[in-house]
Amino acid sequence: MSYFRTAMLMAAMTALFLFVGFLLAGEAGIVIALVLAGGINLFAWWNSDKMVLRQQGAREVDARSAPDLHAMVRDLAGRAGLPMPRVYVMDNPQPNAFATGRNPENAAVAVTTGLMQGLSREELAGVIAHELAHIKNRDTLIMTITATFAGAISMLANGDLAHARV
């Protein structure tokens, strides 16, 4: 069901992209927007998780660099019947966490240093379990693709495609 929802989202966003392309540059805008939408769809499917992690300044950690966090994620993922996701830490005092990835086999969990310092071990486990639930339910694919398309629509709204009218 999640892949169907994702496909519907991608189709709707592509249609919106084409419509905006038409408004900005007529028929040439539709063609350009279609090519861009196809590229963005492929990029979003394969790379949106990496893009989000890079944008947030997340660095991957392992069992040596963050043993407690890594062990906690491994234990909770095992209990949930999930493969071990990649684990990232963001140097940020704001308490936050998110999960990303197109499927459980390509998932990642990221937490801020503020979250790790501000919560007890049990509270942190609850937050990570919540993020793993997003992975298990495959919500992460829709969230990351939506973020990618929002960036693309923002690019269109700024008029980058309008210059194609030459």
N, C-alpha and C. Protein backbone atom coordinates (compact mmCIF):
# COMPACT_ATOMS: atom_id res chain seq x y z
N MET A 1 0.82 -1.20 0.00
CA MET A 1 0.00 0.00 0.00
C MET A 1 0.87 1.26 0.00
N SER A 2 1.98 1.22 0.73
CA SER A 2 2.85 2.38 0.81
C SER A 2 3.48 2.72 -0.53
N TYR A 3 3.84 1.68 -1.32
CA TYR A 3 4.40 1.95 -2.64
C TYR A 3 3.33 2.57 -3.55
N PHE A 4 2.09 2.17 -3.41
CA PHE A 4 1.00 2.76 -4.19
C PHE A 4 0.84 4.23 -3.83
N ARG A 5 0.84 4.53 -2.53
CA ARG A 5 0.73 5.92 -2.09
C ARG A 5 1.90 6.74 -2.61
N THR A 6 3.09 6.16 -2.58
CA THR A 6 4.27 6.87 -3.08
C THR A 6 4.15 7.12 -4.57
N ALA A 7 3.70 6.12 -5.32
CA ALA A 7 3.53 6.29 -6.77
C ALA A 7 2.48 7.36 -7.06
N MET A 8 1.40 7.37 -6.30
CA MET A 8 0.37 8.40 -6.49
C MET A 8 0.92 9.79 -6.17
N LEU A 9 1.70 9.89 -5.10
CA LEU A 9 2.30 11.16 -4.76
C LEU A 9 3.24 11.63 -5.87
N MET A 10 4.06 10.72 -6.38
CA MET A 10 4.99 11.09 -7.45
C MET A 10 4.24 11.51 -8.71
N ALA A 11 3.16 10.81 -9.02
CA ALA A 11 2.36 11.18 -10.20
C ALA A 11 1.70 12.55 -10.01
N ALA A 12 1.15 12.78 -8.83
CA ALA A 12 0.50 14.08 -8.57
C ALA A 12 1.52 15.21 -8.59
N MET A 13 2.67 14.98 -8.01
CA MET A 13 3.69 16.01 -8.01
C MET A 13 4.23 16.26 -9.43
N THR A 14 4.34 15.21 -10.23
CA THR A 14 4.76 15.38 -11.61
C THR A 14 3.73 16.20 -12.38
N ALA A 15 2.45 15.90 -12.18
CA ALA A 15 1.39 16.68 -12.84
C ALA A 15 1.45 18.14 -12.43
N LEU A 16 1.66 18.39 -11.15
CA LEU A 16 1.79 19.77 -10.67
C LEU A 16 3.01 20.44 -11.30
N PHE A 17 4.08 19.71 -11.38
CA PHE A 17 5.31 20.21 -11.99
C PHE A 17 5.05 20.59 -13.45
N LEU A 18 4.33 19.72 -14.17
CA LEU A 18 4.02 20.00 -15.58
C LEU A 18 3.12 21.23 -15.71
N PHE A 19 2.15 21.36 -14.83
CA PHE A 19 1.26 22.50 -14.85
C PHE A 19 2.02 23.81 -14.62
N VAL A 20 2.89 23.80 -13.64
CA VAL A 20 3.68 25.00 -13.36
C VAL A 20 4.61 25.29 -14.54
N GLY A 21 5.19 24.23 -15.11
CA GLY A 21 6.04 24.42 -16.30
C GLY A 21 5.26 25.07 -17.43
N PHE A 22 4.02 24.63 -17.65
CA PHE A 22 3.17 25.22 -18.69
C PHE A 22 2.89 26.69 -18.40
N LEU A 23 2.56 26.99 -17.15
CA LEU A 23 2.27 28.38 -16.78
C LEU A 23 3.47 29.29 -16.99
N LEU A 24 4.65 28.76 -16.72
CA LEU A 24 5.85 29.59 -16.81
C LEU A 24 6.40 29.72 -18.23
N ALA A 25 6.27 28.65 -19.04
CA ALA A 25 6.94 28.69 -20.35
C ALA A 25 6.14 28.01 -21.44
N GLY A 26 4.85 27.82 -21.27
CA GLY A 26 4.02 27.24 -22.32
C GLY A 26 4.38 25.79 -22.62
N GLU A 27 4.24 25.41 -23.90
CA GLU A 27 4.51 24.02 -24.28
C GLU A 27 5.96 23.63 -24.05
N ALA A 28 6.87 24.54 -24.28
CA ALA A 28 8.29 24.25 -24.02
C ALA A 28 8.49 23.99 -22.53
N GLY A 29 7.75 24.70 -21.70
CA GLY A 29 7.83 24.50 -20.25
C GLY A 29 7.36 23.12 -19.84
N ILE A 30 6.34 22.59 -20.53
CA ILE A 30 5.85 21.24 -20.21
C ILE A 30 6.95 20.23 -20.50
N VAL A 31 7.59 20.37 -21.65
CA VAL A 31 8.65 19.41 -22.02
C VAL A 31 9.80 19.49 -21.03
N ILE A 32 10.22 20.71 -20.72
CA ILE A 32 11.32 20.87 -19.77
C ILE A 32 10.92 20.34 -18.39
N ALA A 33 9.71 20.65 -17.97
CA ALA A 33 9.24 20.18 -16.66
C ALA A 33 9.13 18.66 -16.63
N LEU A 34 8.72 18.04 -17.74
CA LEU A 34 8.63 16.58 -17.79
C LEU A 34 10.00 15.95 -17.63
N VAL A 35 10.98 16.49 -18.33
CA VAL A 35 12.35 15.97 -18.21
C VAL A 35 12.86 16.17 -16.79
N LEU A 36 12.63 17.36 -16.24
CA LEU A 36 13.06 17.63 -14.87
C LEU A 36 12.34 16.71 -13.87
N ALA A 37 11.03 16.54 -14.06
CA ALA A 37 10.26 15.69 -13.14
C ALA A 37 10.76 14.26 -13.19
N GLY A 38 11.04 13.76 -14.39
CA GLY A 38 11.58 12.40 -14.50
C GLY A 38 12.90 12.27 -13.78
N GLY A 39 13.78 13.26 -13.97
CA GLY A 39 15.07 13.24 -13.28
C GLY A 39 14.92 13.34 -11.78
N ILE A 40 14.01 14.22 -11.36
CA ILE A 40 13.79 14.39 -9.92
C ILE A 40 13.20 13.13 -9.32
N ASN A 41 12.26 12.48 -10.03
CA ASN A 41 11.70 11.22 -9.52
C ASN A 41 12.78 10.18 -9.31
N LEU A 42 13.65 10.01 -10.31
CA LEU A 42 14.74 9.03 -10.18
C LEU A 42 15.69 9.42 -9.05
N PHE A 43 16.05 10.69 -9.03
CA PHE A 43 16.95 11.15 -7.98
C PHE A 43 16.33 10.95 -6.60
N ALA A 44 15.05 11.33 -6.46
CA ALA A 44 14.38 11.20 -5.17
C ALA A 44 14.31 9.74 -4.72
N TRP A 45 14.05 8.85 -5.65
CA TRP A 45 13.93 7.43 -5.30
C TRP A 45 15.25 6.89 -4.76
N TRP A 46 16.35 7.24 -5.41
CA TRP A 46 17.65 6.64 -5.06
C TRP A 46 18.46 7.46 -4.07
N ASN A 47 18.28 8.78 -4.02
CA ASN A 47 19.21 9.61 -3.26
C ASN A 47 18.60 10.54 -2.23
N SER A 48 17.29 10.60 -2.11
CA SER A 48 16.70 11.61 -1.22
C SER A 48 17.15 11.41 0.23
N ASP A 49 17.34 10.16 0.65
CA ASP A 49 17.79 9.94 2.03
C ASP A 49 19.18 10.53 2.26
N LYS A 50 20.07 10.31 1.31
CA LYS A 50 21.43 10.85 1.43
C LYS A 50 21.41 12.38 1.42
N MET A 51 20.54 12.94 0.59
CA MET A 51 20.44 14.39 0.49
C MET A 51 19.95 14.99 1.81
N VAL A 52 18.95 14.38 2.41
CA VAL A 52 18.41 14.89 3.68
C VAL A 52 19.47 14.80 4.77
N LEU A 53 20.17 13.67 4.83
CA LEU A 53 21.21 13.51 5.85
C LEU A 53 22.33 14.52 5.65
N ARG A 54 22.75 14.74 4.42
CA ARG A 54 23.81 15.70 4.13
C ARG A 54 23.35 17.12 4.48
N GLN A 55 22.10 17.43 4.13
CA GLN A 55 21.55 18.76 4.41
C GLN A 55 21.53 19.04 5.92
N GLN A 56 21.30 18.03 6.71
CA GLN A 56 21.23 18.20 8.16
C GLN A 56 22.60 18.11 8.84
N GLY A 57 23.64 17.86 8.06
CA GLY A 57 24.98 17.76 8.63
C GLY A 57 25.18 16.51 9.47
N ALA A 58 24.43 15.46 9.13
CA ALA A 58 24.52 14.22 9.90
C ALA A 58 25.79 13.45 9.54
N ARG A 59 26.41 12.87 10.56
CA ARG A 59 27.58 12.03 10.31
C ARG A 59 27.25 10.61 10.78
N GLU A 60 27.66 9.65 9.97
CA GLU A 60 27.36 8.26 10.31
C GLU A 60 28.25 7.82 11.46
N VAL A 61 27.66 7.08 12.38
CA VAL A 61 28.40 6.54 13.52
C VAL A 61 28.29 5.02 13.49
N ASP A 62 29.25 4.38 14.15
CA ASP A 62 29.22 2.91 14.22
C ASP A 62 29.36 2.48 15.67
N ALA A 63 29.55 1.19 15.88
CA ALA A 63 29.62 0.65 17.23
C ALA A 63 30.84 1.16 17.99
N ARG A 64 31.88 1.59 17.29
CA ARG A 64 33.06 2.12 17.98
C ARG A 64 32.90 3.59 18.34
N SER A 65 32.32 4.38 17.45
CA SER A 65 32.23 5.82 17.70
C SER A 65 31.04 6.22 18.58
N ALA A 66 29.98 5.43 18.60
CA ALA A 66 28.81 5.70 19.45
C ALA A 66 28.23 4.37 19.91
N PRO A 67 28.95 3.67 20.79
CA PRO A 67 28.53 2.31 21.15
C PRO A 67 27.14 2.20 21.78
N ASP A 68 26.79 3.11 22.69
CA ASP A 68 25.48 3.02 23.35
C ASP A 68 24.34 3.25 22.36
N LEU A 69 24.46 4.29 21.56
CA LEU A 69 23.42 4.61 20.57
C LEU A 69 23.29 3.49 19.55
N HIS A 70 24.41 3.03 19.06
CA HIS A 70 24.41 1.98 18.04
C HIS A 70 23.78 0.70 18.60
N ALA A 71 24.14 0.34 19.81
CA ALA A 71 23.58 -0.87 20.44
C ALA A 71 22.07 -0.72 20.67
N MET A 72 21.64 0.48 21.07
CA MET A 72 20.22 0.72 21.29
C MET A 72 19.43 0.55 19.99
N VAL A 73 19.93 1.15 18.91
CA VAL A 73 19.25 1.05 17.62
C VAL A 73 19.23 -0.40 17.16
N ARG A 74 20.36 -1.11 17.31
CA ARG A 74 20.43 -2.52 16.91
C ARG A 74 19.40 -3.35 17.68
N ASP A 75 19.32 -3.14 18.99
CA ASP A 75 18.38 -3.90 19.82
C ASP A 75 16.93 -3.60 19.43
N LEU A 76 16.60 -2.32 19.28
CA LEU A 76 15.22 -1.96 18.94
C LEU A 76 14.85 -2.42 17.53
N ALA A 77 15.76 -2.32 16.59
CA ALA A 77 15.49 -2.79 15.22
C ALA A 77 15.26 -4.30 15.22
N GLY A 78 16.08 -5.01 15.98
CA GLY A 78 15.91 -6.46 16.08
C GLY A 78 14.56 -6.84 16.67
N ARG A 79 14.15 -6.13 17.71
CA ARG A 79 12.85 -6.40 18.33
C ARG A 79 11.70 -6.10 17.37
N ALA A 80 11.90 -5.12 16.49
CA ALA A 80 10.86 -4.75 15.52
C ALA A 80 10.90 -5.61 14.27
N GLY A 81 11.89 -6.51 14.18
CA GLY A 81 12.01 -7.35 13.00
C GLY A 81 12.53 -6.59 11.79
N LEU A 82 13.32 -5.57 12.04
CA LEU A 82 13.88 -4.75 10.95
C LEU A 82 15.37 -5.01 10.80
N PRO A 83 15.88 -4.86 9.59
CA PRO A 83 17.33 -4.89 9.44
C PRO A 83 17.94 -3.67 10.13
N MET A 84 19.18 -3.79 10.51
CA MET A 84 19.85 -2.68 11.19
C MET A 84 19.97 -1.47 10.25
N PRO A 85 19.35 -0.34 10.63
CA PRO A 85 19.50 0.86 9.79
C PRO A 85 20.86 1.50 10.06
N ARG A 86 21.29 2.36 9.14
CA ARG A 86 22.48 3.16 9.39
C ARG A 86 22.12 4.16 10.49
N VAL A 87 23.09 4.52 11.30
CA VAL A 87 22.86 5.41 12.44
C VAL A 87 23.69 6.68 12.23
N TYR A 88 23.03 7.82 12.42
CA TYR A 88 23.69 9.12 12.22
C TYR A 88 23.47 9.99 13.44
N VAL A 89 24.44 10.89 13.66
CA VAL A 89 24.35 11.88 14.73
C VAL A 89 24.53 13.25 14.10
N MET A 90 23.71 14.19 14.55
CA MET A 90 23.81 15.58 14.09
C MET A 90 24.24 16.43 15.28
N ASP A 91 25.30 17.20 15.11
CA ASP A 91 25.76 18.09 16.17
C ASP A 91 24.85 19.32 16.21
N ASN A 92 23.83 19.22 17.05
CA ASN A 92 22.84 20.28 17.15
C ASN A 92 22.23 20.21 18.55
N PRO A 93 22.16 21.33 19.27
CA PRO A 93 21.61 21.30 20.63
C PRO A 93 20.09 21.10 20.67
N GLN A 94 19.42 21.31 19.54
CA GLN A 94 17.96 21.11 19.50
C GLN A 94 17.65 19.62 19.59
N PRO A 95 16.72 19.22 20.42
CA PRO A 95 16.34 17.81 20.48
C PRO A 95 15.51 17.43 19.26
N ASN A 96 16.03 16.51 18.46
CA ASN A 96 15.31 16.10 17.26
C ASN A 96 15.84 14.74 16.80
N ALA A 97 15.01 14.06 16.03
CA ALA A 97 15.40 12.78 15.43
C ALA A 97 14.52 12.57 14.21
N PHE A 98 15.03 11.82 13.25
CA PHE A 98 14.22 11.45 12.10
C PHE A 98 14.75 10.16 11.49
N ALA A 99 13.88 9.54 10.73
CA ALA A 99 14.24 8.34 9.97
C ALA A 99 14.09 8.67 8.50
N THR A 100 14.90 8.04 7.67
CA THR A 100 14.83 8.28 6.25
C THR A 100 15.22 7.00 5.51
N GLY A 101 14.96 6.97 4.22
CA GLY A 101 15.29 5.81 3.40
C GLY A 101 14.10 5.31 2.63
N ARG A 102 14.37 4.67 1.48
CA ARG A 102 13.26 4.24 0.62
C ARG A 102 12.63 2.93 1.06
N ASN A 103 13.30 2.15 1.90
CA ASN A 103 12.75 0.90 2.42
C ASN A 103 13.56 0.49 3.65
N PRO A 104 13.12 -0.52 4.38
CA PRO A 104 13.86 -0.92 5.59
C PRO A 104 15.30 -1.35 5.32
N GLU A 105 15.57 -1.87 4.14
CA GLU A 105 16.92 -2.32 3.82
C GLU A 105 17.87 -1.15 3.55
N ASN A 106 17.33 0.03 3.27
CA ASN A 106 18.13 1.22 2.97
C ASN A 106 17.78 2.37 3.90
N ALA A 107 17.49 2.06 5.13
CA ALA A 107 17.02 3.07 6.08
C ALA A 107 18.16 3.64 6.93
N ALA A 108 17.87 4.79 7.49
CA ALA A 108 18.80 5.43 8.42
C ALA A 108 18.00 6.13 9.50
N VAL A 109 18.58 6.19 10.69
CA VAL A 109 18.02 6.91 11.82
C VAL A 109 19.04 7.95 12.23
N ALA A 110 18.58 9.19 12.41
CA ALA A 110 19.48 10.27 12.81
C ALA A 110 18.94 10.93 14.08
N VAL A 111 19.83 11.23 15.00
CA VAL A 111 19.47 11.91 16.24
C VAL A 111 20.44 13.06 16.48
N THR A 112 19.96 14.09 17.13
CA THR A 112 20.83 15.22 17.46
C THR A 112 21.53 14.96 18.79
N THR A 113 22.64 15.65 18.97
CA THR A 113 23.34 15.56 20.24
C THR A 113 22.47 16.13 21.36
N GLY A 114 21.66 17.13 21.04
CA GLY A 114 20.75 17.70 22.04
C GLY A 114 19.74 16.69 22.54
N LEU A 115 19.27 15.83 21.65
CA LEU A 115 18.32 14.80 22.05
C LEU A 115 19.00 13.78 22.95
N MET A 116 20.19 13.37 22.56
CA MET A 116 20.91 12.36 23.35
C MET A 116 21.27 12.89 24.74
N GLN A 117 21.58 14.18 24.84
CA GLN A 117 21.97 14.76 26.12
C GLN A 117 20.76 15.11 26.98
N GLY A 118 19.62 15.41 26.35
CA GLY A 118 18.47 15.90 27.10
C GLY A 118 17.49 14.84 27.58
N LEU A 119 17.62 13.62 27.06
CA LEU A 119 16.67 12.57 27.43
C LEU A 119 17.34 11.46 28.21
N SER A 120 16.54 10.78 29.01
CA SER A 120 17.04 9.58 29.69
C SER A 120 17.18 8.47 28.65
N ARG A 121 17.83 7.40 29.03
CA ARG A 121 18.02 6.27 28.11
C ARG A 121 16.66 5.72 27.65
N GLU A 122 15.70 5.61 28.56
CA GLU A 122 14.38 5.09 28.22
C GLU A 122 13.64 6.03 27.27
N GLU A 123 13.74 7.33 27.52
CA GLU A 123 13.08 8.30 26.63
C GLU A 123 13.70 8.28 25.23
N LEU A 124 15.03 8.19 25.19
CA LEU A 124 15.71 8.12 23.89
C LEU A 124 15.30 6.86 23.14
N ALA A 125 15.18 5.75 23.87
CA ALA A 125 14.74 4.50 23.24
C ALA A 125 13.33 4.66 22.68
N GLY A 126 12.47 5.39 23.38
CA GLY A 126 11.11 5.63 22.88
C GLY A 126 11.11 6.44 21.59
N VAL A 127 11.96 7.45 21.53
CA VAL A 127 12.05 8.27 20.31
C VAL A 127 12.58 7.43 19.15
N ILE A 128 13.61 6.65 19.41
CA ILE A 128 14.18 5.80 18.35
C ILE A 128 13.17 4.75 17.91
N ALA A 129 12.43 4.18 18.85
CA ALA A 129 11.39 3.21 18.49
C ALA A 129 10.34 3.85 17.59
N HIS A 130 10.01 5.09 17.88
CA HIS A 130 9.05 5.83 17.04
C HIS A 130 9.60 5.98 15.62
N GLU A 131 10.87 6.34 15.51
CA GLU A 131 11.48 6.49 14.18
C GLU A 131 11.54 5.14 13.45
N LEU A 132 11.83 4.08 14.18
CA LEU A 132 11.84 2.74 13.56
C LEU A 132 10.44 2.34 13.09
N ALA A 133 9.41 2.81 13.78
CA ALA A 133 8.04 2.53 13.32
C ALA A 133 7.79 3.19 11.97
N HIS A 134 8.35 4.39 11.77
CA HIS A 134 8.24 5.03 10.45
C HIS A 134 8.90 4.16 9.38
N ILE A 135 10.04 3.59 9.72
CA ILE A 135 10.74 2.72 8.76
C ILE A 135 9.91 1.48 8.48
N LYS A 136 9.41 0.85 9.53
CA LYS A 136 8.63 -0.38 9.36
C LYS A 136 7.38 -0.14 8.53
N ASN A 137 6.73 1.00 8.72
CA ASN A 137 5.51 1.32 7.97
C ASN A 137 5.81 1.96 6.61
N ARG A 138 7.09 2.12 6.30
CA ARG A 138 7.56 2.69 5.04
C ARG A 138 7.09 4.13 4.83
N ASP A 139 6.89 4.84 5.92
CA ASP A 139 6.53 6.26 5.84
C ASP A 139 7.71 7.09 5.36
N THR A 140 8.90 6.60 5.58
CA THR A 140 10.10 7.39 5.28
C THR A 140 10.22 7.68 3.79
N LEU A 141 9.81 6.77 2.95
CA LEU A 141 9.91 7.00 1.50
C LEU A 141 9.03 8.18 1.10
N ILE A 142 7.81 8.19 1.57
CA ILE A 142 6.90 9.30 1.22
C ILE A 142 7.43 10.61 1.78
N MET A 143 7.93 10.60 3.00
CA MET A 143 8.43 11.84 3.60
C MET A 143 9.63 12.38 2.83
N THR A 144 10.57 11.53 2.45
CA THR A 144 11.76 12.03 1.77
C THR A 144 11.44 12.47 0.34
N ILE A 145 10.56 11.76 -0.34
CA ILE A 145 10.19 12.17 -1.70
C ILE A 145 9.41 13.48 -1.66
N THR A 146 8.55 13.63 -0.67
CA THR A 146 7.80 14.88 -0.53
C THR A 146 8.76 16.05 -0.32
N ALA A 147 9.76 15.85 0.52
CA ALA A 147 10.73 16.92 0.75
C ALA A 147 11.50 17.25 -0.52
N THR A 148 11.85 16.24 -1.30
CA THR A 148 12.56 16.47 -2.55
C THR A 148 11.71 17.26 -3.53
N PHE A 149 10.44 16.87 -3.66
CA PHE A 149 9.55 17.60 -4.57
C PHE A 149 9.28 19.01 -4.07
N ALA A 150 9.20 19.21 -2.79
CA ALA A 150 9.00 20.56 -2.27
C ALA A 150 10.16 21.46 -2.69
N GLY A 151 11.37 20.92 -2.63
CA GLY A 151 12.53 21.68 -3.09
C GLY A 151 12.46 21.97 -4.58
N ALA A 152 12.01 20.99 -5.37
CA ALA A 152 11.91 21.18 -6.81
C ALA A 152 10.85 22.22 -7.16
N ILE A 153 9.71 22.18 -6.47
CA ILE A 153 8.66 23.16 -6.72
C ILE A 153 9.13 24.55 -6.30
N SER A 154 9.88 24.61 -5.22
CA SER A 154 10.45 25.89 -4.81
C SER A 154 11.37 26.44 -5.89
N MET A 155 12.15 25.55 -6.51
CA MET A 155 13.02 25.97 -7.60
C MET A 155 12.19 26.53 -8.75
N LEU A 156 11.09 25.84 -9.10
CA LEU A 156 10.22 26.33 -10.16
C LEU A 156 9.59 27.67 -9.79
N ALA A 157 9.14 27.78 -8.56
CA ALA A 157 8.49 29.01 -8.11
C ALA A 157 9.43 30.20 -8.15
N ASN A 158 10.71 29.95 -7.98
CA ASN A 158 11.69 31.03 -8.05
C ASN A 158 11.96 31.46 -9.47
N GLY A 159 11.32 30.78 -10.44
CA GLY A 159 11.41 31.21 -11.83
C GLY A 159 12.56 30.63 -12.61
N ASP A 160 13.24 29.61 -12.07
CA ASP A 160 14.37 29.03 -12.79
C ASP A 160 13.95 28.47 -14.14
N LEU A 161 12.74 27.93 -14.23
CA LEU A 161 12.27 27.36 -15.50
C LEU A 161 11.82 28.47 -16.46
N ALA A 162 11.43 29.60 -15.94
CA ALA A 162 10.95 30.68 -16.80
C ALA A 162 12.04 31.18 -17.75
N HIS A 163 13.28 31.01 -17.39
CA HIS A 163 14.39 31.44 -18.24
C HIS A 163 14.49 30.58 -19.50
N ALA A 164 13.76 29.49 -19.55
CA ALA A 164 13.83 28.58 -20.70
C ALA A 164 13.05 29.12 -21.90
N ARG A 165 12.34 30.21 -21.76
CA ARG A 165 11.53 30.77 -22.83
C ARG A 165 12.34 31.39 -23.97
N VAL A 166 13.57 31.44 -23.89
CA VAL A 166 14.41 32.16 -24.83
C VAL A 166 14.01 32.09 -26.24
